[in-house]
Amino acid sequence: QVQLVESGGGLVQPGGSLRLSCAASGSISSSTAMGWYRQAPGKQRELVATITSSGWRNYADSVKGRFTISRDNAKNTVYLEMNSLKPEDTAVYYCNGRWWTGSRLTDYWGQGTQVTVSS
């Protein structure tokens, strides 16, 4: 069982920056992929960014050029650097990790961290 704990959320003005962190209780180097998702009020959870074990990154079109996902395997931590934040980025941000458990892939989720972009 892997636990994921997010931190770094908060209130920021439009155009500002935040860095989210996701600390894993297991080795992220053995995961197939780590990622960040978000869910705004009244909306479905959506993918923000993912990074595979080989370092390949994928971003939602809405955040390309503004957000950067990275990982520090030594610290078992995944980061999401968010710049040029917009009010529409307001959401609860969730960390996700995917590991093989036996013969199947299992998704693990953090509890979420609130990001509010407002003046």
C-alpha atoms as a PDB file:
ATOM      1  CA  GLN A   1       0.000   0.000   0.000  1.00  0.00           C
ATOM      2  CA  VAL A   2       1.441   3.344  -1.079  1.00  0.00           C
ATOM      3  CA  GLN A   3       0.534   6.633   0.526  1.00  0.00           C
ATOM      4  CA  LEU A   4       0.775   9.924  -1.323  1.00  0.00           C
ATOM      5  CA  VAL A   5       0.779  13.227   0.539  1.00  0.00           C
ATOM      6  CA  GLU A   6       0.404  16.518  -1.307  1.00  0.00           C
ATOM      7  CA  SER A   7       1.502  19.910  -0.061  1.00  0.00           C
ATOM      8  CA  GLY A   8       2.084  23.411  -1.387  1.00  0.00           C
ATOM      9  CA  GLY A   9      -1.424  24.525  -2.235  1.00  0.00           C
ATOM     10  CA  GLY A  10      -2.830  27.882  -1.243  1.00  0.00           C
ATOM     11  CA  LEU A  11      -4.213  31.206  -2.372  1.00  0.00           C
ATOM     12  CA  VAL A  12      -2.350  33.062  -5.095  1.00  0.00           C
ATOM     13  CA  GLN A  13      -3.111  36.066  -7.282  1.00  0.00           C
ATOM     14  CA  PRO A  14      -3.570  35.707 -11.044  1.00  0.00           C
ATOM     15  CA  GLY A  15      -0.189  35.586 -12.723  1.00  0.00           C
ATOM     16  CA  GLY A  16       1.441  34.148  -9.634  1.00  0.00           C
ATOM     17  CA  SER A  17       3.241  30.860  -9.047  1.00  0.00           C
ATOM     18  CA  LEU A  18       2.999  27.858  -6.773  1.00  0.00           C
ATOM     19  CA  ARG A  19       4.904  24.621  -6.453  1.00  0.00           C
ATOM     20  CA  LEU A  20       3.071  21.512  -5.367  1.00  0.00           C
ATOM     21  CA  SER A  21       4.864  18.539  -3.874  1.00  0.00           C
ATOM     22  CA  CYS A  22       3.768  14.933  -3.585  1.00  0.00           C
ATOM     23  CA  ALA A  23       5.680  12.727  -1.164  1.00  0.00           C
ATOM     24  CA  ALA A  24       5.284   8.989  -1.648  1.00  0.00           C
ATOM     25  CA  SER A  25       5.729   6.324   1.009  1.00  0.00           C
ATOM     26  CA  GLY A  26       6.962   3.921  -1.662  1.00  0.00           C
ATOM     27  CA  SER A  27       9.669   4.119  -4.262  1.00  0.00           C
ATOM     28  CA  ILE A  28       8.524   6.272  -7.165  1.00  0.00           C
ATOM     29  CA  SER A  29      11.341   4.902  -9.297  1.00  0.00           C
ATOM     30  CA  SER A  30       9.427   1.623  -9.380  1.00  0.00           C
ATOM     31  CA  SER A  31       6.194   3.292 -10.436  1.00  0.00           C
ATOM     32  CA  THR A  32       5.142   3.214 -14.067  1.00  0.00           C
ATOM     33  CA  ALA A  33       4.019   6.832 -13.929  1.00  0.00           C
ATOM     34  CA  MET A  34       3.288   9.667 -11.552  1.00  0.00           C
ATOM     35  CA  GLY A  35       0.881  12.475 -12.230  1.00  0.00           C
ATOM     36  CA  TRP A  36      -1.198  15.400 -11.125  1.00  0.00           C
ATOM     37  CA  TYR A  37      -4.942  15.727 -11.628  1.00  0.00           C
ATOM     38  CA  ARG A  38      -7.354  18.435 -10.583  1.00  0.00           C
ATOM     39  CA  GLN A  39     -11.030  18.794  -9.867  1.00  0.00           C
ATOM     40  CA  ALA A  40     -12.888  22.084  -9.844  1.00  0.00           C
ATOM     41  CA  PRO A  41     -16.290  22.468  -8.157  1.00  0.00           C
ATOM     42  CA  GLY A  42     -19.015  20.893 -10.260  1.00  0.00           C
ATOM     43  CA  LYS A  43     -16.543  19.422 -12.733  1.00  0.00           C
ATOM     44  CA  GLN A  44     -14.972  16.031 -13.319  1.00  0.00           C
ATOM     45  CA  ARG A  45     -11.434  15.274 -12.299  1.00  0.00           C
ATOM     46  CA  GLU A  46      -9.055  15.974 -15.154  1.00  0.00           C
ATOM     47  CA  LEU A  47      -5.465  15.206 -15.990  1.00  0.00           C
ATOM     48  CA  VAL A  48      -2.991  18.034 -15.531  1.00  0.00           C
ATOM     49  CA  ALA A  49       0.376  16.390 -16.122  1.00  0.00           C
ATOM     50  CA  THR A  50       2.056  13.005 -15.975  1.00  0.00           C
ATOM     51  CA  ILE A  51       5.637  11.794 -15.985  1.00  0.00           C
ATOM     52  CA  THR A  52       6.661   8.214 -16.702  1.00  0.00           C
ATOM     53  CA  SER A  53       9.470   6.229 -15.138  1.00  0.00           C
ATOM     54  CA  SER A  54      11.570   7.029 -18.216  1.00  0.00           C
ATOM     55  CA  GLY A  55      10.927  10.749 -17.814  1.00  0.00           C
ATOM     56  CA  TRP A  56       8.431  11.257 -20.642  1.00  0.00           C
ATOM     57  CA  ARG A  57       6.065  14.090 -19.794  1.00  0.00           C
ATOM     58  CA  ASN A  58       2.515  14.763 -20.885  1.00  0.00           C
ATOM     59  CA  TYR A  59       0.488  17.907 -20.219  1.00  0.00           C
ATOM     60  CA  ALA A  60      -3.084  19.025 -20.621  1.00  0.00           C
ATOM     61  CA  ASP A  61      -3.356  21.623 -23.370  1.00  0.00           C
ATOM     62  CA  SER A  62      -4.663  24.160 -20.867  1.00  0.00           C
ATOM     63  CA  VAL A  63      -1.419  24.113 -18.858  1.00  0.00           C
ATOM     64  CA  LYS A  64       1.236  23.607 -21.535  1.00  0.00           C
ATOM     65  CA  GLY A  65       3.954  26.209 -21.288  1.00  0.00           C
ATOM     66  CA  ARG A  66       2.882  27.227 -17.780  1.00  0.00           C
ATOM     67  CA  PHE A  67       3.192  24.073 -15.672  1.00  0.00           C
ATOM     68  CA  THR A  68       6.150  21.727 -15.290  1.00  0.00           C
ATOM     69  CA  ILE A  69       6.097  18.284 -13.720  1.00  0.00           C
ATOM     70  CA  SER A  70       9.274  16.774 -12.327  1.00  0.00           C
ATOM     71  CA  ARG A  71      10.357  13.963 -10.070  1.00  0.00           C
ATOM     72  CA  ASP A  72      13.143  13.376  -7.547  1.00  0.00           C
ATOM     73  CA  ASN A  73      13.525   9.625  -7.196  1.00  0.00           C
ATOM     74  CA  ALA A  74      15.971   9.969  -4.304  1.00  0.00           C
ATOM     75  CA  LYS A  75      13.348  11.852  -2.305  1.00  0.00           C
ATOM     76  CA  ASN A  76      10.387   9.850  -3.643  1.00  0.00           C
ATOM     77  CA  THR A  77       8.753  13.154  -4.452  1.00  0.00           C
ATOM     78  CA  VAL A  78       6.967  14.527  -7.489  1.00  0.00           C
ATOM     79  CA  TYR A  79       6.572  18.239  -8.091  1.00  0.00           C
ATOM     80  CA  LEU A  80       4.278  20.458 -10.099  1.00  0.00           C
ATOM     81  CA  GLU A  81       5.648  23.902 -10.790  1.00  0.00           C
ATOM     82  CA  MET A  82       2.775  26.210 -11.745  1.00  0.00           C
ATOM     83  CA  ASN A  83       3.440  29.619 -13.278  1.00  0.00           C
ATOM     84  CA  SER A  84       1.229  32.314 -14.799  1.00  0.00           C
ATOM     85  CA  LEU A  85      -1.692  30.998 -12.816  1.00  0.00           C
ATOM     86  CA  LYS A  86      -5.209  31.839 -13.925  1.00  0.00           C
ATOM     87  CA  PRO A  87      -8.520  31.848 -12.029  1.00  0.00           C
ATOM     88  CA  GLU A  88      -9.556  28.807 -14.061  1.00  0.00           C
ATOM     89  CA  ASP A  89      -6.683  26.859 -12.490  1.00  0.00           C
ATOM     90  CA  THR A  90      -8.577  26.953  -9.204  1.00  0.00           C
ATOM     91  CA  ALA A  91      -9.226  23.384  -8.105  1.00  0.00           C
ATOM     92  CA  VAL A  92      -8.256  20.641  -5.717  1.00  0.00           C
ATOM     93  CA  TYR A  93      -5.065  19.097  -7.066  1.00  0.00           C
ATOM     94  CA  TYR A  94      -4.495  15.387  -6.571  1.00  0.00           C
ATOM     95  CA  CYS A  95      -1.308  13.386  -6.868  1.00  0.00           C
ATOM     96  CA  ASN A  96      -1.543  10.016  -8.573  1.00  0.00           C
ATOM     97  CA  GLY A  97       0.880   7.149  -8.825  1.00  0.00           C
ATOM     98  CA  ARG A  98       0.613   3.842 -10.615  1.00  0.00           C
ATOM     99  CA  TRP A  99       2.446   0.710  -9.511  1.00  0.00           C
ATOM    100  CA  TRP A 100       2.391  -2.915 -10.424  1.00  0.00           C
ATOM    101  CA  THR A 101       0.855  -4.975  -7.636  1.00  0.00           C
ATOM    102  CA  GLY A 102       1.252  -8.557  -8.641  1.00  0.00           C
ATOM    103  CA  SER A 103      -0.030  -8.861 -12.174  1.00  0.00           C
ATOM    104  CA  ARG A 104      -2.100  -5.697 -12.329  1.00  0.00           C
ATOM    105  CA  LEU A 105      -1.554  -1.964 -12.278  1.00  0.00           C
ATOM    106  CA  THR A 106      -2.938  -0.151  -9.232  1.00  0.00           C
ATOM    107  CA  ASP A 107      -3.658   3.569  -8.965  1.00  0.00           C
ATOM    108  CA  TYR A 108      -2.961   5.379  -5.718  1.00  0.00           C
ATOM    109  CA  TRP A 109      -4.242   8.859  -4.864  1.00  0.00           C
ATOM    110  CA  GLY A 110      -3.385  11.533  -2.397  1.00  0.00           C
ATOM    111  CA  GLN A 111      -5.936  13.430  -0.366  1.00  0.00           C
ATOM    112  CA  GLY A 112      -5.648  16.561  -2.477  1.00  0.00           C
ATOM    113  CA  THR A 113      -4.474  20.111  -1.930  1.00  0.00           C
ATOM    114  CA  GLN A 114      -6.524  23.217  -2.674  1.00  0.00           C
ATOM    115  CA  VAL A 115      -5.231  25.794  -5.142  1.00  0.00           C
ATOM    116  CA  THR A 116      -7.176  29.038  -5.370  1.00  0.00           C
ATOM    117  CA  VAL A 117      -6.261  31.707  -7.897  1.00  0.00           C
ATOM    118  CA  SER A 118      -8.006  34.955  -7.089  1.00  0.00           C
ATOM    119  CA  SER A 119      -7.333  38.634  -6.635  1.00  0.00           C
END
